[in-house]
Amino acid sequence: MSLARPWLTGLTLAQLHRIAVSIGSPCSGTKAARVAGIQQALSGAEKPTNNNLSLLSIDMGIRNLAFAHISAPKASSSCLRYGLPTLQQWRQVAVSQIPQGKDLVSSPALAATFEMGPASTVTSKLLRQTKESFEPVDYAHHAYNLITHLLQTYKPTHILIERQRFRSGGRAAVPEWTIRVGVFEGMLYAVLRTLIEDGRVQVQVEPAQPTFVNRHWLESRESASDALKEKSAVRRSGREVKRAKIDLVGQMLLGETEHPTVLINGILRPFTSEFVSIWHKDRKKSVLATNGISKLDDLADCLLQGLAWIDWQNRRRTIHTLGRDGVVGESGELR
């Protein structure tokens, strides 16, 4: 069988790297592995996009799970890309405080949980008042309640779930909290798969690799030919990456980016203003305060994750339609 897009094998490693960053595919390994990764990412680009996008982007957590609901107009046959996305909802929740029951959408307790802003102290107060259970039977309920609420409220066509990595962080063992979040991640997939197989919902569910998202926003804004910049990006600490992403979201919300990145639903203005206010206070300091990171990091992650995914779909469709002509010169940048 002949290789689809044989022109990919004629590109340099640097060009393949830039394409991989632009479409959200693996950037490591041999040239053949990178080409295979790009081919795999492009395999779904030919599927027609008939509906407007309703995307739920979830940044995993238990006390600080964050999600962004993003919409975008559908790509027509004459337009290769989704239109400019709009941030419709943006929240941080403590999953143990989501009430159980059938009437999730109208539940006052649930509404209070989902209305928390980045500077809110609701979560910490509730957790102090009640003993938190980490039993699987309880987290199964949390997973079901969370997913059914999100599906009923936002009616997503696509759901992104941040992929968890079981890292020890230099410790002797993987922290128990990391394992708990990983278990909860699996429960979300199990609930969604059950609902899909039972025909109760039609939604596409995909994992989102944090490393791919980070490369998209941080590396893609640096010149591919500037080795010094690439080296500095690699040397960024985890804290510096967090700060860079928070800064980027703050700039987006203020319209300080080179091109418009996302529109904001008017109902979110008080919430986004609170985000920017905390960001401005912390940006004046030489080092981002720990409480500033905890309040803003997860919100920034879920938003950038969703916007990166939309960018990837747009660029994959460009390559699928234009082929080699979609790649600009020797840089590997996409049109």
Protein backbone atom coordinates (compact mmCIF):
# COMPACT_ATOMS: atom_id res chain seq x y z
CA MET A 1 0.00 0.00 0.00
CA SER A 2 1.42 3.37 -0.97
CA LEU A 3 2.06 5.87 1.80
CA ALA A 4 -0.51 8.66 2.03
CA ARG A 5 1.07 12.09 1.71
CA PRO A 6 4.47 10.76 0.52
CA TRP A 7 5.75 14.35 0.44
CA LEU A 8 6.08 14.20 4.23
CA THR A 9 9.09 11.87 3.93
CA GLY A 10 10.92 14.54 1.94
CA LEU A 11 10.75 17.09 4.73
CA THR A 12 13.54 17.72 7.21
CA LEU A 13 13.28 16.84 10.91
CA ALA A 14 12.91 20.55 11.71
CA GLN A 15 10.00 20.89 9.29
CA LEU A 16 8.33 17.76 10.63
CA HIS A 17 8.80 19.11 14.15
CA ARG A 18 7.06 22.38 13.30
CA ILE A 19 4.17 20.56 11.63
CA ALA A 20 3.81 18.21 14.61
CA VAL A 21 3.68 21.14 17.04
CA SER A 22 1.10 22.88 14.85
CA ILE A 23 -1.28 19.91 14.61
CA GLY A 24 -0.82 18.34 18.05
CA SER A 25 1.08 15.15 17.18
CA PRO A 26 4.20 13.59 18.82
CA CYS A 27 7.46 15.46 18.24
CA SER A 28 9.96 12.86 19.42
CA GLY A 29 11.44 9.71 17.89
CA THR A 30 12.86 8.89 14.51
CA LYS A 31 11.84 10.61 11.30
CA ALA A 32 9.64 7.64 10.42
CA ALA A 33 7.95 7.85 13.84
CA ARG A 34 7.25 11.55 13.42
CA VAL A 35 5.81 11.03 9.94
CA ALA A 36 3.62 8.23 11.31
CA GLY A 37 2.44 10.49 14.12
CA ILE A 38 1.52 13.25 11.68
CA GLN A 39 -0.29 10.76 9.45
CA GLN A 40 -2.26 9.49 12.41
CA ALA A 41 -3.24 13.01 13.46
CA LEU A 42 -4.36 13.83 9.92
CA SER A 43 -6.40 10.64 9.53
CA GLY A 44 -9.56 12.27 10.86
CA ALA A 45 -9.15 15.58 9.05
CA GLU A 46 -11.10 14.39 6.03
CA LYS A 47 -14.23 13.81 8.10
CA PRO A 48 -16.77 16.53 7.23
CA THR A 49 -17.58 19.12 9.85
CA ASN A 50 -21.34 19.57 9.57
CA ASN A 51 -22.16 21.10 12.94
CA ASN A 52 -21.14 24.09 14.95
CA LEU A 53 -18.55 23.14 17.54
CA SER A 54 -19.56 22.85 21.19
CA LEU A 55 -16.38 21.90 23.02
CA LEU A 56 -15.92 21.05 26.69
CA SER A 57 -12.29 21.21 27.74
CA ILE A 58 -11.60 19.65 31.15
CA ASP A 59 -8.47 20.17 33.23
CA MET A 60 -8.38 17.25 35.64
CA GLY A 61 -8.50 17.63 39.38
CA ILE A 62 -10.57 16.68 42.40
CA ARG A 63 -10.67 19.82 44.52
CA ASN A 64 -9.81 22.03 41.57
CA LEU A 65 -11.21 20.52 38.38
CA ALA A 66 -11.60 23.28 35.80
CA PHE A 67 -13.53 23.35 32.55
CA ALA A 68 -14.10 25.70 29.65
CA HIS A 69 -17.08 25.56 27.31
CA ILE A 70 -16.06 26.92 23.92
CA SER A 71 -18.20 27.26 20.79
CA ALA A 72 -17.12 27.92 17.21
CA PRO A 73 -19.07 28.23 13.94
CA LYS A 74 -18.75 25.27 11.62
CA ALA A 75 -16.25 25.17 8.80
CA SER A 76 -18.00 25.27 5.42
CA SER A 77 -16.79 23.70 2.20
CA SER A 78 -15.43 27.09 1.14
CA CYS A 79 -13.66 27.69 4.45
CA LEU A 80 -11.06 25.28 5.80
CA ARG A 81 -11.25 26.47 9.38
CA TYR A 82 -13.61 26.86 12.28
CA GLY A 83 -14.56 30.46 12.82
CA LEU A 84 -13.28 32.52 15.76
CA PRO A 85 -14.19 30.60 18.95
CA THR A 86 -16.22 32.06 21.81
CA LEU A 87 -15.66 31.25 25.47
CA GLN A 88 -19.18 30.54 26.73
CA GLN A 89 -18.46 29.27 30.25
CA TRP A 90 -15.37 28.94 32.43
CA ARG A 91 -15.40 27.42 35.89
CA GLN A 92 -13.46 25.65 38.61
CA VAL A 93 -15.20 23.07 40.80
CA ALA A 94 -14.63 20.73 43.72
CA VAL A 95 -16.06 17.43 42.55
CA SER A 96 -16.80 16.19 46.08
CA GLN A 97 -19.23 19.08 46.52
CA ILE A 98 -21.37 18.22 43.49
CA PRO A 99 -24.70 17.02 44.94
CA GLN A 100 -26.15 13.64 44.05
CA GLY A 101 -29.60 13.30 42.53
CA LYS A 102 -31.48 13.46 39.28
CA ASP A 103 -32.36 17.15 39.22
CA LEU A 104 -28.78 18.30 38.74
CA VAL A 105 -29.34 21.33 36.55
CA SER A 106 -31.77 23.05 38.91
CA SER A 107 -29.97 22.13 42.13
CA PRO A 108 -29.12 25.30 44.12
CA ALA A 109 -26.12 23.57 45.70
CA LEU A 110 -24.81 22.60 42.28
CA ALA A 111 -25.34 26.10 40.94
CA ALA A 112 -23.33 27.49 43.85
CA THR A 113 -20.55 25.00 43.17
CA PHE A 114 -20.40 25.85 39.48
CA GLU A 115 -20.45 29.61 40.04
CA MET A 116 -17.19 29.75 41.90
CA GLY A 117 -14.77 32.35 40.64
CA PRO A 118 -10.97 32.10 40.79
CA ALA A 119 -10.79 34.15 44.00
CA SER A 120 -13.63 32.30 45.73
CA THR A 121 -13.16 30.68 49.13
CA VAL A 122 -16.30 28.52 48.83
CA THR A 123 -14.38 25.30 48.15
CA SER A 124 -12.01 25.61 51.09
CA LYS A 125 -14.85 26.45 53.49
CA LEU A 126 -16.97 23.50 52.35
CA LEU A 127 -14.06 21.09 52.60
CA ARG A 128 -13.31 22.26 56.12
CA GLN A 129 -16.92 21.73 57.14
CA THR A 130 -17.27 18.18 55.79
CA LYS A 131 -14.92 15.23 55.81
CA GLU A 132 -13.88 14.38 52.27
CA SER A 133 -14.23 10.76 51.15
CA PHE A 134 -11.88 9.22 48.61
CA GLU A 135 -13.66 5.88 48.38
CA PRO A 136 -14.16 4.62 44.80
CA VAL A 137 -17.89 4.15 45.40
CA ASP A 138 -18.21 7.85 46.25
CA TYR A 139 -16.08 8.99 43.33
CA ALA A 140 -18.17 6.91 40.96
CA HIS A 141 -21.14 9.03 42.05
CA HIS A 142 -19.09 12.22 41.60
CA ALA A 143 -18.06 11.18 38.09
CA TYR A 144 -21.63 10.39 37.04
CA ASN A 145 -23.04 13.61 38.53
CA LEU A 146 -20.36 15.77 36.95
CA ILE A 147 -20.64 14.26 33.48
CA THR A 148 -24.43 14.24 33.38
CA HIS A 149 -24.56 17.85 34.51
CA LEU A 150 -22.06 18.97 31.89
CA LEU A 151 -23.85 17.04 29.14
CA GLN A 152 -27.28 18.37 30.09
CA THR A 153 -26.12 21.95 30.49
CA TYR A 154 -23.72 22.47 27.59
CA LYS A 155 -24.69 19.74 25.09
CA PRO A 156 -21.13 19.33 23.79
CA THR A 157 -20.23 17.81 20.45
CA HIS A 158 -16.68 17.15 21.70
CA ILE A 159 -15.10 16.65 25.13
CA LEU A 160 -11.39 16.96 25.88
CA ILE A 161 -10.00 15.44 29.07
CA GLU A 162 -6.52 16.34 30.24
CA ARG A 163 -4.36 13.19 30.15
CA GLN A 164 -2.83 12.35 33.50
CA ARG A 165 0.79 11.34 33.91
CA PHE A 166 1.87 9.23 36.88
CA ARG A 167 5.11 10.99 37.74
CA SER A 168 6.99 10.71 41.01
CA GLY A 169 8.38 14.25 40.79
CA GLY A 170 11.66 13.02 42.25
CA ARG A 171 9.97 11.27 45.16
CA ALA A 172 10.40 7.62 46.04
CA ALA A 173 6.88 6.86 44.80
CA VAL A 174 4.07 8.45 42.82
CA PRO A 175 2.07 10.70 45.20
CA GLU A 176 -1.26 9.25 46.32
CA TRP A 177 -3.09 12.40 45.20
CA THR A 178 -1.81 11.93 41.65
CA ILE A 179 -3.15 8.38 41.65
CA ARG A 180 -6.54 9.58 42.91
CA VAL A 181 -6.85 12.06 40.06
CA GLY A 182 -5.85 9.34 37.59
CA VAL A 183 -8.53 7.02 38.96
CA PHE A 184 -11.13 9.79 38.63
CA GLU A 185 -10.00 10.41 35.05
CA GLY A 186 -10.72 6.76 34.24
CA MET A 187 -14.15 7.04 35.85
CA LEU A 188 -15.05 10.00 33.62
CA TYR A 189 -14.20 7.96 30.53
CA ALA A 190 -16.19 4.99 31.85
CA VAL A 191 -19.30 7.12 32.44
CA LEU A 192 -19.03 8.72 29.00
CA ARG A 193 -18.45 5.39 27.24
CA THR A 194 -21.47 3.85 28.97
CA LEU A 195 -23.73 6.74 27.98
CA ILE A 196 -22.46 6.63 24.38
CA GLU A 197 -22.87 2.85 24.05
CA ASP A 198 -26.37 3.05 25.50
CA GLY A 199 -27.27 5.61 22.84
CA ARG A 200 -28.09 8.28 25.41
CA VAL A 201 -25.60 10.80 24.03
CA GLN A 202 -23.58 11.47 20.88
CA VAL A 203 -20.27 13.09 21.68
CA GLN A 204 -16.64 12.62 20.67
CA VAL A 205 -14.27 12.19 23.62
CA GLU A 206 -10.53 12.70 23.27
CA PRO A 207 -7.56 12.86 25.64
CA ALA A 208 -5.44 16.02 25.56
CA GLN A 209 -1.72 15.66 26.20
CA PRO A 210 -0.45 18.58 28.32
CA THR A 211 2.98 18.46 26.66
CA PHE A 212 1.40 18.92 23.22
CA VAL A 213 -0.65 21.87 24.49
CA ASN A 214 2.40 23.48 26.10
CA ARG A 215 4.44 23.14 22.92
CA HIS A 216 1.62 24.61 20.86
CA TRP A 217 1.38 27.80 22.89
CA LEU A 218 4.96 28.31 24.04
CA GLU A 219 7.16 26.86 21.31
CA SER A 220 5.00 27.77 18.31
CA ARG A 221 5.39 31.43 19.23
CA GLU A 222 9.16 31.19 19.01
CA SER A 223 11.13 31.20 15.78
CA ALA A 224 11.93 27.70 14.59
CA SER A 225 15.35 28.91 13.46
CA ASP A 226 16.23 30.59 16.75
CA ALA A 227 18.16 27.89 18.59
CA LEU A 228 18.69 30.05 21.64
CA LYS A 229 14.97 30.52 22.12
CA GLU A 230 14.30 26.81 21.69
CA LYS A 231 16.94 26.00 24.29
CA SER A 232 15.46 28.51 26.74
CA ALA A 233 12.01 26.98 26.23
CA VAL A 234 13.33 23.52 27.04
CA ARG A 235 14.93 24.82 30.23
CA ARG A 236 11.74 26.35 31.55
CA SER A 237 10.79 24.99 34.94
CA GLY A 238 7.27 23.79 35.62
CA ARG A 239 6.59 27.00 37.53
CA GLU A 240 7.82 29.12 34.62
CA VAL A 241 5.59 27.22 32.20
CA LYS A 242 2.61 27.84 34.47
CA ARG A 243 3.38 31.53 34.63
CA ALA A 244 3.85 31.77 30.86
CA LYS A 245 0.44 30.18 30.25
CA ILE A 246 -1.28 32.39 32.81
CA ASP A 247 0.34 35.44 31.22
CA LEU A 248 -0.85 34.31 27.80
CA VAL A 249 -4.45 33.92 28.98
CA GLY A 250 -4.32 37.30 30.70
CA GLN A 251 -3.15 38.87 27.44
CA MET A 252 -5.91 37.09 25.53
CA LEU A 253 -8.57 38.42 27.88
CA LEU A 254 -7.23 41.95 27.51
CA GLY A 255 -6.91 41.67 23.72
CA GLU A 256 -3.13 42.09 23.89
CA THR A 257 -2.31 39.18 21.55
CA GLU A 258 -1.21 39.84 17.97
CA HIS A 259 -4.42 38.40 16.52
CA PRO A 260 -7.83 37.86 18.15
CA THR A 261 -7.75 34.40 19.74
CA VAL A 262 -11.11 34.03 21.44
CA LEU A 263 -14.30 36.01 21.96
CA ILE A 264 -15.79 36.23 25.45
CA ASN A 265 -19.47 35.74 26.22
CA GLY A 266 -20.73 38.88 27.96
CA ILE A 267 -21.99 36.94 30.99
CA LEU A 268 -18.39 35.98 31.76
CA ARG A 269 -17.08 39.55 31.96
CA PRO A 270 -17.18 39.75 35.79
CA PHE A 271 -15.41 36.39 35.98
CA THR A 272 -12.72 37.26 33.42
CA SER A 273 -12.23 40.65 35.08
CA GLU A 274 -11.54 38.84 38.35
CA PHE A 275 -9.00 36.61 36.59
CA VAL A 276 -7.25 39.64 35.10
CA SER A 277 -7.27 41.46 38.43
CA ILE A 278 -5.52 38.60 40.23
CA TRP A 279 -3.12 38.21 37.29
CA HIS A 280 -2.21 41.90 37.34
CA LYS A 281 -1.49 41.83 41.06
CA ASP A 282 0.76 38.80 40.74
CA ARG A 283 2.49 40.04 37.59
CA LYS A 284 3.78 43.05 39.51
CA LYS A 285 5.74 40.69 41.71
CA SER A 286 9.04 39.19 40.57
CA VAL A 287 7.73 35.68 41.24
CA LEU A 288 4.12 34.59 40.81
CA ALA A 289 2.67 33.99 44.25
CA THR A 290 1.72 30.42 45.11
CA ASN A 291 -1.91 31.40 45.73
CA GLY A 292 -1.96 33.17 42.36
CA ILE A 293 -0.88 29.99 40.59
CA SER A 294 -3.43 27.86 42.42
CA LYS A 295 -6.25 30.25 41.54
CA LEU A 296 -5.39 30.78 37.89
CA ASP A 297 -3.36 27.82 36.64
CA ASP A 298 -6.16 25.29 36.19
CA LEU A 299 -8.45 27.84 34.55
CA ALA A 300 -5.68 28.85 32.15
CA ASP A 301 -4.94 25.21 31.34
CA CYS A 302 -8.48 24.21 30.39
CA LEU A 303 -8.91 27.29 28.18
CA LEU A 304 -5.58 26.91 26.37
CA GLN A 305 -6.22 23.18 25.96
CA GLY A 306 -9.52 23.83 24.19
CA LEU A 307 -8.18 26.61 21.99
CA ALA A 308 -5.13 24.52 21.03
CA TRP A 309 -7.39 21.65 19.97
CA ILE A 310 -9.39 23.98 17.71
CA ASP A 311 -6.15 25.26 16.17
CA TRP A 312 -5.04 21.68 15.56
CA GLN A 313 -8.27 20.80 13.78
CA ASN A 314 -7.99 23.87 11.58
CA ARG A 315 -4.39 23.15 10.62
CA ARG A 316 -5.00 19.45 10.06
CA ARG A 317 -7.78 20.32 7.65
CA THR A 318 -5.48 22.79 5.88
CA ILE A 319 -2.85 20.08 5.29
CA HIS A 320 -5.48 17.54 4.25
CA THR A 321 -6.87 19.96 1.67
CA LEU A 322 -3.72 21.72 0.43
CA GLY A 323 -1.12 19.00 0.94
CA ARG A 324 2.47 20.17 0.52
CA ASP A 325 1.21 23.60 -0.54
CA GLY A 326 -0.08 24.09 2.98
CA VAL A 327 3.49 24.10 4.33
CA VAL A 328 5.37 27.36 3.96
CA GLY A 329 8.93 27.12 2.61
CA GLU A 330 11.71 25.61 4.68
CA SER A 331 10.35 26.64 8.06
CA GLY A 332 7.59 24.05 8.26
CA GLU A 333 5.06 26.72 9.24
CA LEU A 334 1.51 26.14 8.05
CA ARG A 335 -0.59 28.56 6.05
